[in-house]
């Protein structure tokens, strides 16, 4: 007797892991030297921030965040520009020695 869960189809929103062939095909199509773009939600996940924080950063003129490319009223963000911006705005940590 089989369980009911084995008979149910996989939901459409669940994507299986890419096969080695698919990874090789994607690597051939999109070499590392090409520019990388992402829309707002994937950009927020890439940066490790919430969508609301990204929205606030984009609307704060004093932060001077990279401008997106707008294609058909959809924002596309250059990840290389965002990497450079984050690196320029990251404060390095300094380890202090404790005098106990």
C-alpha atoms as a PDB file:
ATOM      1  CA  UNK A   1       0.000   0.000   0.000  1.00  0.00           C
ATOM      2  CA  UNK A   2       1.423   3.361  -0.989  1.00  0.00           C
ATOM      3  CA  UNK A   3       1.060   6.517   1.028  1.00  0.00           C
ATOM      4  CA  UNK A   4      -1.128   9.304  -0.246  1.00  0.00           C
ATOM      5  CA  UNK A   5       1.760  11.831  -0.267  1.00  0.00           C
ATOM      6  CA  UNK A   6       3.585   9.791  -2.908  1.00  0.00           C
ATOM      7  CA  UNK A   7       0.585  10.039  -5.214  1.00  0.00           C
ATOM      8  CA  UNK A   8       0.279  13.824  -5.038  1.00  0.00           C
ATOM      9  CA  UNK A   9       2.023  15.808  -7.765  1.00  0.00           C
ATOM     10  CA  UNK A  10       4.818  18.218  -6.891  1.00  0.00           C
ATOM     11  CA  UNK A  11       3.488  21.785  -6.539  1.00  0.00           C
ATOM     12  CA  UNK A  12       4.368  24.037  -9.458  1.00  0.00           C
ATOM     13  CA  UNK A  13       6.185  26.565  -7.270  1.00  0.00           C
ATOM     14  CA  UNK A  14       8.691  23.933  -6.116  1.00  0.00           C
ATOM     15  CA  UNK A  15      11.548  23.651  -8.583  1.00  0.00           C
ATOM     16  CA  UNK A  16      13.784  20.615  -8.572  1.00  0.00           C
ATOM     17  CA  UNK A  17      17.543  20.999  -8.215  1.00  0.00           C
ATOM     18  CA  UNK A  18      19.313  21.753 -11.489  1.00  0.00           C
ATOM     19  CA  UNK A  19      20.987  18.817 -13.130  1.00  0.00           C
ATOM     20  CA  UNK A  20      24.660  18.894 -14.069  1.00  0.00           C
ATOM     21  CA  UNK A  21      23.677  19.275 -17.712  1.00  0.00           C
ATOM     22  CA  UNK A  22      21.478  22.308 -16.938  1.00  0.00           C
ATOM     23  CA  UNK A  23      24.229  23.912 -14.860  1.00  0.00           C
ATOM     24  CA  UNK A  24      26.730  23.441 -17.694  1.00  0.00           C
ATOM     25  CA  UNK A  25      24.264  24.850 -20.215  1.00  0.00           C
ATOM     26  CA  UNK A  26      23.591  27.908 -18.035  1.00  0.00           C
ATOM     27  CA  UNK A  27      27.323  28.441 -17.454  1.00  0.00           C
ATOM     28  CA  UNK A  28      27.863  28.421 -21.222  1.00  0.00           C
ATOM     29  CA  UNK A  29      25.022  30.893 -21.806  1.00  0.00           C
ATOM     30  CA  UNK A  30      25.964  33.293 -19.016  1.00  0.00           C
ATOM     31  CA  UNK A  31      29.739  33.468 -18.553  1.00  0.00           C
ATOM     32  CA  UNK A  32      31.123  35.145 -15.443  1.00  0.00           C
ATOM     33  CA  UNK A  33      32.382  38.125 -17.438  1.00  0.00           C
ATOM     34  CA  UNK A  34      28.853  39.282 -18.307  1.00  0.00           C
ATOM     35  CA  UNK A  35      27.045  41.797 -16.159  1.00  0.00           C
ATOM     36  CA  UNK A  36      24.592  40.453 -13.603  1.00  0.00           C
ATOM     37  CA  UNK A  37      21.157  42.004 -13.143  1.00  0.00           C
ATOM     38  CA  UNK A  38      18.393  41.421 -10.617  1.00  0.00           C
ATOM     39  CA  UNK A  39      14.991  42.885  -9.895  1.00  0.00           C
ATOM     40  CA  UNK A  40      14.228  44.395  -6.495  1.00  0.00           C
ATOM     41  CA  UNK A  41      13.158  41.328  -4.484  1.00  0.00           C
ATOM     42  CA  UNK A  42      16.111  39.161  -5.585  1.00  0.00           C
ATOM     43  CA  UNK A  43      18.421  42.142  -5.003  1.00  0.00           C
ATOM     44  CA  UNK A  44      17.155  42.489  -1.431  1.00  0.00           C
ATOM     45  CA  UNK A  45      17.773  38.776  -0.811  1.00  0.00           C
ATOM     46  CA  UNK A  46      21.244  39.084  -2.391  1.00  0.00           C
ATOM     47  CA  UNK A  47      22.111  41.975  -0.062  1.00  0.00           C
ATOM     48  CA  UNK A  48      20.579  40.275   2.974  1.00  0.00           C
ATOM     49  CA  UNK A  49      18.068  43.049   3.653  1.00  0.00           C
ATOM     50  CA  UNK A  50      14.287  43.346   3.523  1.00  0.00           C
ATOM     51  CA  UNK A  51      12.367  44.702   0.544  1.00  0.00           C
ATOM     52  CA  UNK A  52      11.301  47.676   2.679  1.00  0.00           C
ATOM     53  CA  UNK A  53      14.917  48.527   3.544  1.00  0.00           C
ATOM     54  CA  UNK A  54      15.832  48.441  -0.142  1.00  0.00           C
ATOM     55  CA  UNK A  55      12.892  50.700  -0.938  1.00  0.00           C
ATOM     56  CA  UNK A  56      13.994  53.163   1.785  1.00  0.00           C
ATOM     57  CA  UNK A  57      17.585  53.152   0.534  1.00  0.00           C
ATOM     58  CA  UNK A  58      16.413  53.887  -3.030  1.00  0.00           C
ATOM     59  CA  UNK A  59      14.241  56.795  -1.850  1.00  0.00           C
ATOM     60  CA  UNK A  60      16.940  58.357   0.375  1.00  0.00           C
ATOM     61  CA  UNK A  61      18.830  60.808  -1.863  1.00  0.00           C
ATOM     62  CA  UNK A  62      21.694  61.125   0.623  1.00  0.00           C
ATOM     63  CA  UNK A  63      22.705  57.464   0.156  1.00  0.00           C
ATOM     64  CA  UNK A  64      23.352  57.829  -3.601  1.00  0.00           C
ATOM     65  CA  UNK A  65      22.527  54.182  -4.397  1.00  0.00           C
ATOM     66  CA  UNK A  66      23.132  52.858  -7.941  1.00  0.00           C
ATOM     67  CA  UNK A  67      20.355  53.775 -10.346  1.00  0.00           C
ATOM     68  CA  UNK A  68      18.416  50.864 -11.857  1.00  0.00           C
ATOM     69  CA  UNK A  69      17.898  50.277 -15.555  1.00  0.00           C
ATOM     70  CA  UNK A  70      14.207  50.552 -16.360  1.00  0.00           C
ATOM     71  CA  UNK A  71      12.923  48.298 -19.122  1.00  0.00           C
ATOM     72  CA  UNK A  72       9.159  48.226 -19.779  1.00  0.00           C
ATOM     73  CA  UNK A  73       8.559  49.982 -16.425  1.00  0.00           C
ATOM     74  CA  UNK A  74      10.468  47.235 -14.572  1.00  0.00           C
ATOM     75  CA  UNK A  75      13.600  48.034 -12.575  1.00  0.00           C
ATOM     76  CA  UNK A  76      16.694  45.920 -13.261  1.00  0.00           C
ATOM     77  CA  UNK A  77      19.640  46.469 -10.902  1.00  0.00           C
ATOM     78  CA  UNK A  78      23.275  45.879 -11.832  1.00  0.00           C
ATOM     79  CA  UNK A  79      24.679  43.596  -9.117  1.00  0.00           C
ATOM     80  CA  UNK A  80      28.272  44.664  -9.810  1.00  0.00           C
ATOM     81  CA  UNK A  81      27.359  48.311  -9.123  1.00  0.00           C
ATOM     82  CA  UNK A  82      25.598  47.256  -5.915  1.00  0.00           C
ATOM     83  CA  UNK A  83      28.619  45.195  -4.829  1.00  0.00           C
ATOM     84  CA  UNK A  84      30.861  48.236  -5.313  1.00  0.00           C
ATOM     85  CA  UNK A  85      28.396  50.505  -3.491  1.00  0.00           C
ATOM     86  CA  UNK A  86      28.117  48.123  -0.548  1.00  0.00           C
ATOM     87  CA  UNK A  87      31.891  47.784  -0.334  1.00  0.00           C
ATOM     88  CA  UNK A  88      32.277  51.577  -0.297  1.00  0.00           C
ATOM     89  CA  UNK A  89      29.643  51.973   2.441  1.00  0.00           C
ATOM     90  CA  UNK A  90      30.712  49.131   4.705  1.00  0.00           C
ATOM     91  CA  UNK A  91      32.439  50.178   7.893  1.00  0.00           C
ATOM     92  CA  UNK A  92      35.336  47.872   8.738  1.00  0.00           C
ATOM     93  CA  UNK A  93      35.333  46.387  12.203  1.00  0.00           C
ATOM     94  CA  UNK A  94      38.258  46.987  14.486  1.00  0.00           C
ATOM     95  CA  UNK A  95      39.225  44.399  17.055  1.00  0.00           C
ATOM     96  CA  UNK A  96      40.302  45.956  20.320  1.00  0.00           C
ATOM     97  CA  UNK A  97      42.503  44.226  22.788  1.00  0.00           C
ATOM     98  CA  UNK A  98      41.059  44.139  26.264  1.00  0.00           C
ATOM     99  CA  UNK A  99      43.192  45.237  29.142  1.00  0.00           C
ATOM    100  CA  UNK A 100      41.931  43.083  31.992  1.00  0.00           C
END
